[in-house]
Amino acid sequence: MKKVLVGILLVLGNYAIADGDTVTKAEDNEDLTPAGSYINRNAYTQNPYIGMPSLGGTQNVGESALANDNFAQKLFADGTWNVMGEASVLNSQYVTSRGYGANIFAQTGQVAGFSFGGFLTVMNPLAANYSYYNAQNSPAQLLPANQQITPQELFAEYKYANIVQVDAGWIGINNSPWLTYYQNSVLNLITYQGVSINIHPGSGWMLTALAFGDSQLIGEPGFSQQTLYNSGFDYGTGTANIVDNGSNGTVALGASYTTAANNFGFRVWAYRFEKYANLLYADSNLKLSVNKDLNFNIGVQAAMEGGTANNVFYDAGYGAVQSHMMGLQLAMNYDWLGVQLGYNNIWGPQDAYTGGGMVAPYTYQFASDPLYTTGWMLGMVEKSAGSAYKIALPLTFLGNNLIITPSYAYYDTTQFPISEEYDLTMSYSIPQIKGFTIFSGIGYNPIFSNTVGSIYSAQILFSYLY
């Protein structure tokens, strides 16, 4: 569902270590662009909490110390770990769900470029152990509210000269716009069983190739071929509850470029979601700075999507997947005040799936897609083709520790009734208790569909990162 701070972890330039220090310059790489910082010994890109305030921080071992460390010290003493304790209450459609637990991330130091790590989640250890798929007709599965005690990451990582990074095993994927990983309103992660290869050739470029077969969704006890369209609960299109038809796998290629000043960048991604869709996506962002307090941003995005062989939507009678998308975002930031104006248009044949709507197997219902008009609860991916407008006012106070964002979105969709969404989210990182954060959000959609009517959601989440 929610995504107030998700973008912080998706932007390549934000991989500073968790105690707030700057990532050290790569000894073999003079490129200090965001792309140049991504493949770095201290970046720990498999750690979902990297860059967040924590009491323990993330270890940053200097080059001189590394040169004097023996094999055991490099492997065990030079790694890093974090523990996140969380508790949340979610009320949606007058049903209250609760979740609590802890997550542990650990990764060894590097030996000959290799390191190893994992992420263990322990959610609701005293709760009734009911199946993820039996939690139908309830948004609790998106928290999760069921018992989930399982490793979500177990991976091997290889880095070469801060130019090549390979992650294989059960991995998180944090730099791909149409895949969900960490969200600050969910108690753990969505991870994937596969491999991700990142190459930084220099001059601000990053090339990525990834492939995975199974995924572990929120609340699942293990990996499967299920997608976010395969659950019984669906506040989205309602036609896409294809419970037994998952995806055989996903392959994707991406390329991104960012200037050294981080004031211009673009990325292009191509995906093949087996049995679901083929997606080509591109976006670009330009930042114009007037002075240290005032800047303007212009963003554009576009996509084309079509069906694959043996498409689950077409085979189920929902129409072929055939969609086009374009979007524009204008933003202003002045000191503590921000203004964001977003627009999206999605179109396709009337007899296509949801009149030409988009398909997103790993962001659907989590509102974690990159569309400029996606709300805190839902967006156009969960509705149909049409046009949408969104205005958001991010407000930052107390040294950027408090972020309050009211927003309004209007969806003029072709196969859904015209609808609106009103959202208010807040995130407060308490500086007096480093690592302690309070997140809250409330959203309301007065007219969602002819059958569901209005929907609302309210949540508060407490987290402590060490």
Protein backbone atom coordinates (compact mmCIF):
# COMPACT_ATOMS: atom_id res chain seq x y z
CA MET A 1 0.00 0.00 0.00
CA LYS A 2 1.78 3.13 1.20
CA LYS A 3 5.01 4.69 -0.03
CA VAL A 4 5.99 7.98 1.64
CA LEU A 5 9.67 7.08 2.08
CA VAL A 6 9.96 4.36 -0.55
CA GLY A 7 11.44 6.81 -3.03
CA ILE A 8 14.27 7.55 -0.60
CA LEU A 9 15.52 4.00 -1.01
CA LEU A 10 14.92 3.82 -4.75
CA VAL A 11 17.08 6.82 -5.66
CA LEU A 12 20.62 5.70 -6.32
CA GLY A 13 22.18 8.66 -4.60
CA ASN A 14 20.77 7.85 -1.18
CA TYR A 15 23.00 4.92 -0.27
CA ALA A 16 24.82 6.65 2.56
CA ILE A 17 25.55 4.60 5.65
CA ALA A 18 22.88 4.40 8.31
CA ASP A 19 24.48 6.64 10.91
CA GLY A 20 24.42 9.56 8.49
CA ASP A 21 28.06 9.66 7.38
CA THR A 22 28.88 9.96 3.70
CA VAL A 23 29.79 6.86 1.74
CA THR A 24 33.55 6.78 1.26
CA LYS A 25 34.89 7.33 -2.23
CA ALA A 26 35.65 4.12 -4.05
CA GLU A 27 39.38 3.72 -4.27
CA ASP A 28 39.24 2.48 -7.87
CA ASN A 29 36.39 4.67 -9.05
CA GLU A 30 36.61 8.44 -9.29
CA ASP A 31 32.96 8.82 -10.35
CA LEU A 32 31.05 10.35 -7.44
CA THR A 33 27.66 10.38 -9.16
CA PRO A 34 24.81 8.43 -7.53
CA ALA A 35 25.63 5.58 -9.91
CA GLY A 36 29.24 5.68 -8.77
CA SER A 37 28.17 5.36 -5.13
CA TYR A 38 25.82 2.43 -5.71
CA ILE A 39 28.51 -0.23 -6.18
CA ASN A 40 30.58 0.47 -3.11
CA ARG A 41 31.98 -1.69 -0.35
CA ASN A 42 29.97 0.26 2.25
CA ALA A 43 26.74 0.63 0.26
CA TYR A 44 25.16 -2.71 1.37
CA THR A 45 22.39 -2.49 -1.21
CA GLN A 46 20.77 -5.70 0.09
CA ASN A 47 20.14 -3.97 3.41
CA PRO A 48 16.65 -2.39 3.28
CA TYR A 49 17.53 -0.07 6.16
CA ILE A 50 20.69 1.46 4.68
CA GLY A 51 20.65 5.24 4.93
CA MET A 52 18.04 5.32 7.72
CA PRO A 53 18.75 6.72 11.20
CA SER A 54 19.81 3.97 13.60
CA LEU A 55 21.37 3.86 17.05
CA GLY A 56 23.96 1.29 16.05
CA GLY A 57 24.66 2.69 12.59
CA THR A 58 26.23 0.85 9.70
CA GLN A 59 29.88 -0.07 9.98
CA ASN A 60 32.27 1.80 7.73
CA VAL A 61 35.72 0.21 7.70
CA GLY A 62 38.57 2.32 6.39
CA GLU A 63 41.05 1.17 3.78
CA SER A 64 44.00 1.09 6.19
CA ALA A 65 42.10 -1.15 8.62
CA LEU A 66 41.11 -3.47 5.81
CA ALA A 67 44.70 -3.83 4.66
CA ASN A 68 45.75 -5.05 8.11
CA ASP A 69 42.79 -7.38 8.78
CA ASN A 70 43.23 -11.12 8.48
CA PHE A 71 40.80 -13.49 6.71
CA ALA A 72 38.52 -14.00 9.72
CA GLN A 73 38.39 -10.30 10.52
CA LYS A 74 37.51 -9.38 6.94
CA LEU A 75 34.75 -11.96 6.85
CA PHE A 76 33.17 -11.48 10.28
CA ALA A 77 34.38 -8.24 11.87
CA ASP A 78 34.18 -6.05 8.76
CA GLY A 79 30.55 -6.76 7.89
CA THR A 80 27.41 -5.07 9.16
CA TRP A 81 24.07 -5.85 10.74
CA ASN A 82 20.84 -4.13 11.75
CA VAL A 83 17.81 -5.08 13.86
CA MET A 84 14.42 -3.46 13.27
CA GLY A 85 11.61 -3.85 15.81
CA GLU A 86 8.13 -2.84 14.61
CA ALA A 87 4.47 -2.72 15.62
CA SER A 88 1.51 -1.46 13.60
CA VAL A 89 -2.27 -1.11 13.70
CA LEU A 90 -4.16 -0.95 10.40
CA ASN A 91 -7.88 -0.17 10.18
CA SER A 92 -9.49 -0.58 6.79
CA GLN A 93 -13.20 -0.87 6.05
CA TYR A 94 -13.95 -0.99 9.80
CA VAL A 95 -11.73 -4.06 10.26
CA THR A 96 -8.74 -3.61 12.59
CA SER A 97 -5.58 -5.64 12.07
CA ARG A 98 -2.44 -5.67 14.20
CA GLY A 99 1.06 -6.78 13.50
CA TYR A 100 4.36 -6.76 15.37
CA GLY A 101 7.77 -8.36 15.18
CA ALA A 102 11.44 -7.91 14.40
CA ASN A 103 13.70 -8.17 11.37
CA ILE A 104 17.43 -8.94 11.43
CA PHE A 105 19.78 -8.13 8.56
CA ALA A 106 23.42 -9.23 8.50
CA GLN A 107 26.14 -9.28 5.88
CA THR A 108 29.75 -10.37 6.12
CA GLY A 109 32.71 -8.34 5.02
CA GLN A 110 34.35 -8.97 1.65
CA VAL A 111 36.99 -11.58 0.92
CA ALA A 112 38.28 -11.51 -2.66
CA GLY A 113 35.16 -9.53 -3.55
CA PHE A 114 32.71 -12.07 -2.08
CA SER A 115 30.36 -11.53 0.86
CA PHE A 116 27.29 -13.31 2.20
CA GLY A 117 24.19 -12.15 3.99
CA GLY A 118 20.59 -12.69 4.95
CA PHE A 119 17.42 -11.15 6.33
CA LEU A 120 15.31 -12.96 8.93
CA THR A 121 11.76 -11.84 9.70
CA VAL A 122 9.86 -12.85 12.86
CA MET A 123 6.33 -11.50 12.57
CA ASN A 124 3.52 -12.05 15.08
CA PRO A 125 5.26 -14.98 16.83
CA LEU A 126 2.32 -15.46 19.25
CA ALA A 127 -0.40 -15.04 16.63
CA ALA A 128 -2.48 -17.87 15.23
CA ASN A 129 -0.58 -19.50 12.40
CA TYR A 130 -3.10 -19.27 9.57
CA SER A 131 -2.32 -19.49 5.88
CA TYR A 132 -1.64 -16.35 3.84
CA TYR A 133 -4.19 -17.45 1.28
CA ASN A 134 -6.89 -18.04 3.90
CA ALA A 135 -6.72 -14.40 4.92
CA GLN A 136 -9.05 -13.53 2.08
CA ASN A 137 -11.26 -10.46 1.94
CA SER A 138 -9.03 -8.70 4.46
CA PRO A 139 -6.23 -6.16 3.95
CA ALA A 140 -4.43 -7.74 6.93
CA GLN A 141 -2.34 -9.79 4.54
CA LEU A 142 -0.68 -6.58 3.35
CA LEU A 143 0.71 -5.81 6.84
CA PRO A 144 1.16 -8.80 7.58
CA ALA A 145 -1.06 -9.79 10.51
CA ASN A 146 -0.47 -13.53 10.27
CA GLN A 147 2.51 -15.39 11.72
CA GLN A 148 5.56 -15.30 9.46
CA ILE A 149 8.90 -16.60 10.71
CA THR A 150 11.21 -17.13 7.76
CA PRO A 151 14.36 -15.90 6.05
CA GLN A 152 13.46 -13.44 3.32
CA GLU A 153 17.01 -12.96 2.06
CA LEU A 154 19.87 -15.47 1.79
CA PHE A 155 22.38 -14.28 -0.76
CA ALA A 156 25.91 -14.29 -2.06
CA GLU A 157 27.31 -11.02 -3.34
CA TYR A 158 30.34 -10.34 -5.52
CA LYS A 159 31.89 -6.95 -6.23
CA TYR A 160 34.70 -6.22 -8.63
CA ALA A 161 36.61 -2.93 -8.47
CA ASN A 162 33.44 -0.98 -7.64
CA ILE A 163 32.36 -1.56 -11.23
CA VAL A 164 30.47 -4.86 -11.13
CA GLN A 165 28.12 -6.17 -8.45
CA VAL A 166 26.31 -9.50 -8.59
CA ASP A 167 23.70 -10.58 -6.02
CA ALA A 168 22.30 -14.10 -6.23
CA GLY A 169 19.94 -16.19 -4.11
CA TRP A 170 16.99 -14.80 -2.19
CA ILE A 171 17.49 -11.11 -2.86
CA GLY A 172 15.89 -7.71 -2.61
CA ILE A 173 15.73 -5.55 -5.74
CA ASN A 174 15.74 -1.87 -4.86
CA ASN A 175 16.63 -0.03 -8.08
CA SER A 176 13.91 -1.31 -10.42
CA PRO A 177 10.83 0.94 -10.69
CA TRP A 178 8.18 -1.78 -11.22
CA LEU A 179 9.26 -4.12 -8.41
CA THR A 180 8.40 -3.67 -4.73
CA TYR A 181 11.02 -4.20 -2.01
CA TYR A 182 10.95 -2.18 1.24
CA GLN A 183 8.10 0.12 2.27
CA ASN A 184 7.97 2.11 5.48
CA SER A 185 4.32 1.18 6.11
CA VAL A 186 4.82 -2.61 5.81
CA LEU A 187 6.47 -4.70 8.51
CA ASN A 188 8.89 -6.59 6.27
CA LEU A 189 9.78 -7.09 2.58
CA ILE A 190 8.97 -8.48 -0.83
CA THR A 191 11.99 -10.45 -2.06
CA TYR A 192 12.86 -12.53 -5.11
CA GLN A 193 14.62 -15.82 -5.86
CA GLY A 194 17.06 -14.99 -8.61
CA VAL A 195 20.05 -12.89 -9.62
CA SER A 196 20.71 -9.19 -10.13
CA ILE A 197 23.76 -7.83 -11.98
CA ASN A 198 24.71 -4.16 -11.80
CA ILE A 199 27.50 -2.67 -13.89
CA HIS A 200 28.86 0.85 -13.44
CA PRO A 201 30.98 1.68 -16.50
CA GLY A 202 31.55 5.24 -15.27
CA SER A 203 30.43 8.75 -16.21
CA GLY A 204 27.15 8.45 -14.33
CA TRP A 205 25.87 5.30 -16.06
CA MET A 206 24.38 2.21 -14.42
CA LEU A 207 23.39 -0.95 -16.30
CA THR A 208 21.24 -3.62 -14.64
CA ALA A 209 20.13 -7.10 -15.64
CA LEU A 210 17.95 -9.26 -13.41
CA ALA A 211 16.05 -12.51 -13.52
CA PHE A 212 13.98 -14.32 -10.92
CA GLY A 213 11.60 -17.23 -10.82
CA ASP A 214 9.73 -17.01 -7.50
CA SER A 215 8.92 -14.23 -5.08
CA GLN A 216 8.10 -14.05 -1.39
CA LEU A 217 5.17 -11.71 -0.88
CA ILE A 218 4.12 -10.04 2.35
CA GLY A 219 2.91 -12.66 4.85
CA GLU A 220 3.99 -15.68 2.80
CA PRO A 221 5.91 -18.47 4.60
CA GLY A 222 8.15 -19.04 1.56
CA PHE A 223 8.74 -18.37 -2.12
CA SER A 224 6.21 -19.15 -4.84
CA GLN A 225 5.16 -18.11 -8.34
CA GLN A 226 2.23 -16.13 -6.97
CA THR A 227 1.90 -12.44 -7.84
CA LEU A 228 -0.02 -9.63 -6.18
CA TYR A 229 -2.98 -10.43 -8.44
CA ASN A 230 -3.31 -13.93 -6.96
CA SER A 231 -4.75 -13.17 -3.52
CA GLY A 232 -8.42 -13.36 -2.58
CA PHE A 233 -8.39 -9.81 -1.23
CA ASP A 234 -8.57 -7.18 -4.00
CA TYR A 235 -9.38 -3.48 -3.69
CA GLY A 236 -8.06 -3.10 -7.22
CA THR A 237 -9.65 -4.02 -10.53
CA GLY A 238 -11.65 -6.86 -8.98
CA THR A 239 -11.43 -8.82 -12.23
CA ALA A 240 -7.88 -9.95 -11.65
CA ASN A 241 -8.35 -12.50 -8.87
CA ILE A 242 -6.63 -15.23 -10.85
CA VAL A 243 -5.73 -17.19 -7.74
CA ASP A 244 -4.06 -20.21 -9.34
CA ASN A 245 -2.27 -18.49 -12.22
CA GLY A 246 1.05 -17.09 -11.10
CA SER A 247 4.04 -16.06 -13.18
CA ASN A 248 6.79 -18.47 -14.24
CA GLY A 249 9.39 -15.77 -13.82
CA THR A 250 10.60 -12.29 -14.72
CA VAL A 251 13.58 -10.98 -16.67
CA ALA A 252 14.43 -7.29 -16.96
CA LEU A 253 17.09 -4.96 -18.33
CA GLY A 254 17.63 -1.40 -17.15
CA ALA A 255 19.91 1.53 -17.91
CA SER A 256 20.14 4.81 -16.03
CA TYR A 257 22.20 7.97 -16.25
CA THR A 258 22.71 10.70 -13.64
CA THR A 259 24.88 13.80 -13.81
CA ALA A 260 27.59 14.43 -11.21
CA ALA A 261 25.54 17.31 -9.77
CA ASN A 262 22.51 15.00 -9.56
CA ASN A 263 20.40 17.62 -11.33
CA PHE A 264 19.47 15.53 -14.39
CA GLY A 265 18.87 11.86 -14.93
CA PHE A 266 16.92 9.33 -16.92
CA ARG A 267 16.31 5.58 -16.88
CA VAL A 268 14.93 3.01 -19.29
CA TRP A 269 13.65 -0.42 -18.23
CA ALA A 270 12.30 -3.40 -20.17
CA TYR A 271 10.46 -6.23 -18.35
CA ARG A 272 9.07 -9.59 -19.33
CA PHE A 273 6.61 -10.71 -16.66
CA GLU A 274 6.04 -14.27 -17.86
CA LYS A 275 2.33 -15.00 -18.57
CA TYR A 276 1.41 -11.45 -17.52
CA ALA A 277 2.90 -8.65 -19.62
CA ASN A 278 5.86 -7.20 -21.49
CA LEU A 279 6.59 -3.66 -20.29
CA LEU A 280 8.87 -0.93 -21.67
CA TYR A 281 9.21 2.04 -19.29
CA ALA A 282 11.24 5.27 -19.30
CA ASP A 283 11.37 8.38 -17.15
CA SER A 284 13.53 11.46 -16.75
CA ASN A 285 13.95 14.21 -14.18
CA LEU A 286 15.45 17.71 -14.41
CA LYS A 287 16.23 19.81 -11.33
CA LEU A 288 16.61 23.59 -11.65
CA SER A 289 18.12 25.27 -8.60
CA VAL A 290 17.54 28.97 -8.03
CA ASN A 291 19.37 29.15 -4.72
CA LYS A 292 20.04 26.89 -1.72
CA ASP A 293 16.40 27.13 -0.59
CA LEU A 294 14.49 27.14 -3.87
CA ASN A 295 14.49 24.62 -6.71
CA PHE A 296 12.12 23.33 -9.37
CA ASN A 297 11.78 19.80 -10.78
CA ILE A 298 10.33 18.59 -14.08
CA GLY A 299 9.66 14.89 -14.56
CA VAL A 300 8.33 12.98 -17.57
CA GLN A 301 7.52 9.28 -17.95
CA ALA A 302 6.15 6.96 -20.62
CA ALA A 303 5.43 3.25 -21.06
CA MET A 304 4.16 0.67 -23.54
CA GLU A 305 2.79 -2.71 -22.42
CA GLY A 306 1.56 -5.78 -24.24
CA GLY A 307 0.57 -9.33 -23.42
CA THR A 308 2.75 -12.42 -23.44
CA ALA A 309 2.06 -15.92 -24.79
CA ASN A 310 -0.48 -17.84 -22.68
CA ASN A 311 -1.51 -14.59 -21.01
CA VAL A 312 -3.50 -15.22 -17.82
CA PHE A 313 -5.82 -12.22 -18.32
CA TYR A 314 -6.66 -13.06 -21.91
CA ASP A 315 -7.12 -16.76 -21.15
CA ALA A 316 -9.53 -15.87 -18.31
CA GLY A 317 -11.66 -13.70 -20.59
CA TYR A 318 -10.54 -10.28 -19.28
CA GLY A 319 -9.09 -9.15 -22.61
CA ALA A 320 -5.57 -8.83 -23.95
CA VAL A 321 -2.97 -6.68 -22.19
CA GLN A 322 -2.37 -3.67 -24.44
CA SER A 323 -1.61 -0.31 -22.88
CA HIS A 324 0.19 3.01 -23.36
CA MET A 325 1.08 5.54 -20.66
CA MET A 326 2.50 9.03 -20.44
CA GLY A 327 3.02 11.28 -17.44
CA LEU A 328 4.24 14.71 -16.37
CA GLN A 329 5.23 16.02 -12.96
CA LEU A 330 6.05 19.59 -11.94
CA ALA A 331 7.43 20.27 -8.48
CA MET A 332 8.72 23.16 -6.42
CA ASN A 333 10.68 22.96 -3.19
CA TYR A 334 11.22 26.02 -1.04
CA ASP A 335 12.87 25.47 2.33
CA TRP A 336 10.26 23.47 4.30
CA LEU A 337 7.47 23.65 1.67
CA GLY A 338 7.05 21.44 -1.38
CA VAL A 339 4.41 21.41 -4.12
CA GLN A 340 4.03 18.49 -6.56
CA LEU A 341 1.63 18.41 -9.50
CA GLY A 342 1.28 15.11 -11.32
CA TYR A 343 -0.57 13.95 -14.43
CA ASN A 344 -0.92 10.53 -16.07
CA ASN A 345 -2.82 9.32 -19.10
CA ILE A 346 -3.23 5.59 -19.81
CA TRP A 347 -4.99 4.37 -22.96
CA GLY A 348 -5.54 1.33 -25.13
CA PRO A 349 -8.24 -0.62 -26.99
CA GLN A 350 -11.62 -0.72 -25.27
CA ASP A 351 -11.68 -4.51 -25.44
CA ALA A 352 -8.24 -4.81 -23.82
CA TYR A 353 -7.76 -5.58 -20.10
CA THR A 354 -9.51 -2.76 -18.16
CA GLY A 355 -9.86 -0.76 -21.37
CA GLY A 356 -6.11 -0.54 -21.92
CA GLY A 357 -5.09 -0.41 -18.26
CA MET A 358 -1.62 -1.35 -17.05
CA VAL A 359 -0.58 -4.65 -15.43
CA ALA A 360 2.01 -4.62 -12.60
CA PRO A 361 2.43 -8.06 -10.95
CA TYR A 362 4.71 -6.88 -8.13
CA THR A 363 3.34 -3.43 -7.25
CA TYR A 364 -0.43 -4.03 -7.59
CA GLN A 365 -2.39 -3.08 -4.42
CA PHE A 366 0.76 -1.73 -2.70
CA ALA A 367 0.74 1.64 -4.53
CA SER A 368 4.50 1.28 -5.01
CA ASP A 369 4.54 1.84 -8.78
CA PRO A 370 6.35 4.92 -10.19
CA LEU A 371 3.29 6.66 -11.69
CA TYR A 372 3.13 10.31 -10.68
CA THR A 373 -0.55 10.10 -9.69
CA THR A 374 -0.43 7.01 -7.47
CA GLY A 375 -2.03 7.66 -4.10
CA TRP A 376 -1.24 6.29 -0.66
CA MET A 377 -3.89 3.60 -1.02
CA LEU A 378 -4.35 3.04 -4.74
CA GLY A 379 -3.51 4.38 -8.18
CA MET A 380 -4.38 3.90 -11.83
CA VAL A 381 -2.82 0.42 -11.92
CA GLU A 382 -5.56 -0.67 -9.51
CA LYS A 383 -8.27 0.99 -11.60
CA SER A 384 -8.34 1.17 -15.43
CA ALA A 385 -7.31 3.25 -18.41
CA GLY A 386 -8.09 6.97 -18.30
CA SER A 387 -6.44 10.10 -16.97
CA ALA A 388 -5.47 11.23 -13.48
CA TYR A 389 -4.28 14.33 -11.65
CA LYS A 390 -2.58 14.61 -8.28
CA ILE A 391 -1.42 17.43 -6.04
CA ALA A 392 0.79 16.81 -3.01
CA LEU A 393 2.25 19.23 -0.46
CA PRO A 394 5.24 17.63 1.33
CA LEU A 395 6.08 19.69 4.41
CA THR A 396 9.33 19.18 6.34
CA PHE A 397 9.99 20.40 9.85
CA LEU A 398 12.42 19.90 12.75
CA GLY A 399 15.51 19.53 10.64
CA ASN A 400 13.77 17.25 8.11
CA ASN A 401 12.93 14.75 10.87
CA LEU A 402 9.18 15.41 10.50
CA ILE A 403 7.56 14.99 7.07
CA ILE A 404 3.83 15.68 6.66
CA THR A 405 2.26 15.17 3.23
CA PRO A 406 -1.37 15.94 2.40
CA SER A 407 -2.40 14.98 -1.14
CA TYR A 408 -5.41 14.80 -3.42
CA ALA A 409 -5.83 12.69 -6.57
CA TYR A 410 -8.59 12.68 -9.20
CA TYR A 411 -9.08 9.62 -11.43
CA ASP A 412 -11.13 10.03 -14.62
CA THR A 413 -11.07 6.35 -15.55
CA THR A 414 -12.88 4.75 -18.47
CA GLN A 415 -14.05 1.43 -17.00
CA PHE A 416 -14.26 2.55 -13.36
CA PRO A 417 -16.45 5.35 -12.01
CA ILE A 418 -14.70 8.71 -11.67
CA SER A 419 -13.08 8.66 -8.25
CA GLU A 420 -10.97 10.72 -5.86
CA GLU A 421 -8.48 9.95 -3.11
CA TYR A 422 -7.66 12.14 -0.11
CA ASP A 423 -4.50 11.21 1.80
CA LEU A 424 -2.56 12.50 4.78
CA THR A 425 0.71 10.83 5.78
CA MET A 426 3.27 11.64 8.46
CA SER A 427 6.72 10.29 9.28
CA TYR A 428 8.62 11.46 12.37
CA SER A 429 12.15 10.28 13.14
CA ILE A 430 12.60 11.27 16.77
CA PRO A 431 16.12 12.74 17.09
CA GLN A 432 16.21 12.26 20.86
CA ILE A 433 15.83 8.48 20.36
CA LYS A 434 17.95 7.81 17.31
CA GLY A 435 16.43 5.02 15.23
CA PHE A 436 12.87 5.46 16.55
CA THR A 437 10.33 6.46 13.89
CA ILE A 438 6.57 6.94 13.90
CA PHE A 439 4.68 6.60 10.64
CA SER A 440 0.98 7.27 10.21
CA GLY A 441 -1.37 7.62 7.30
CA ILE A 442 -5.02 7.96 6.50
CA GLY A 443 -6.67 7.71 3.09
CA TYR A 444 -10.23 8.02 1.86
CA ASN A 445 -11.77 7.25 -1.54
CA PRO A 446 -15.45 8.33 -1.51
CA ILE A 447 -16.38 6.46 -4.72
CA PHE A 448 -14.21 3.49 -5.62
CA SER A 449 -16.40 1.32 -7.85
CA ASN A 450 -20.03 0.44 -8.53
CA THR A 451 -19.77 -2.64 -6.30
CA VAL A 452 -17.40 -1.59 -3.50
CA GLY A 453 -18.46 2.01 -2.95
CA SER A 454 -16.22 4.11 -0.69
CA ILE A 455 -13.06 2.76 0.94
CA TYR A 456 -10.75 4.13 3.59
CA SER A 457 -7.60 3.08 5.40
CA ALA A 458 -5.84 4.36 8.50
CA GLN A 459 -2.55 3.16 9.96
CA ILE A 460 0.03 3.92 12.61
CA LEU A 461 3.38 2.15 12.73
CA PHE A 462 6.17 2.37 15.32
CA SER A 463 9.68 1.21 14.43
CA TYR A 464 13.06 1.17 16.13
CA LEU A 465 16.23 0.48 14.18
CA TYR A 466 19.49 -0.52 15.79
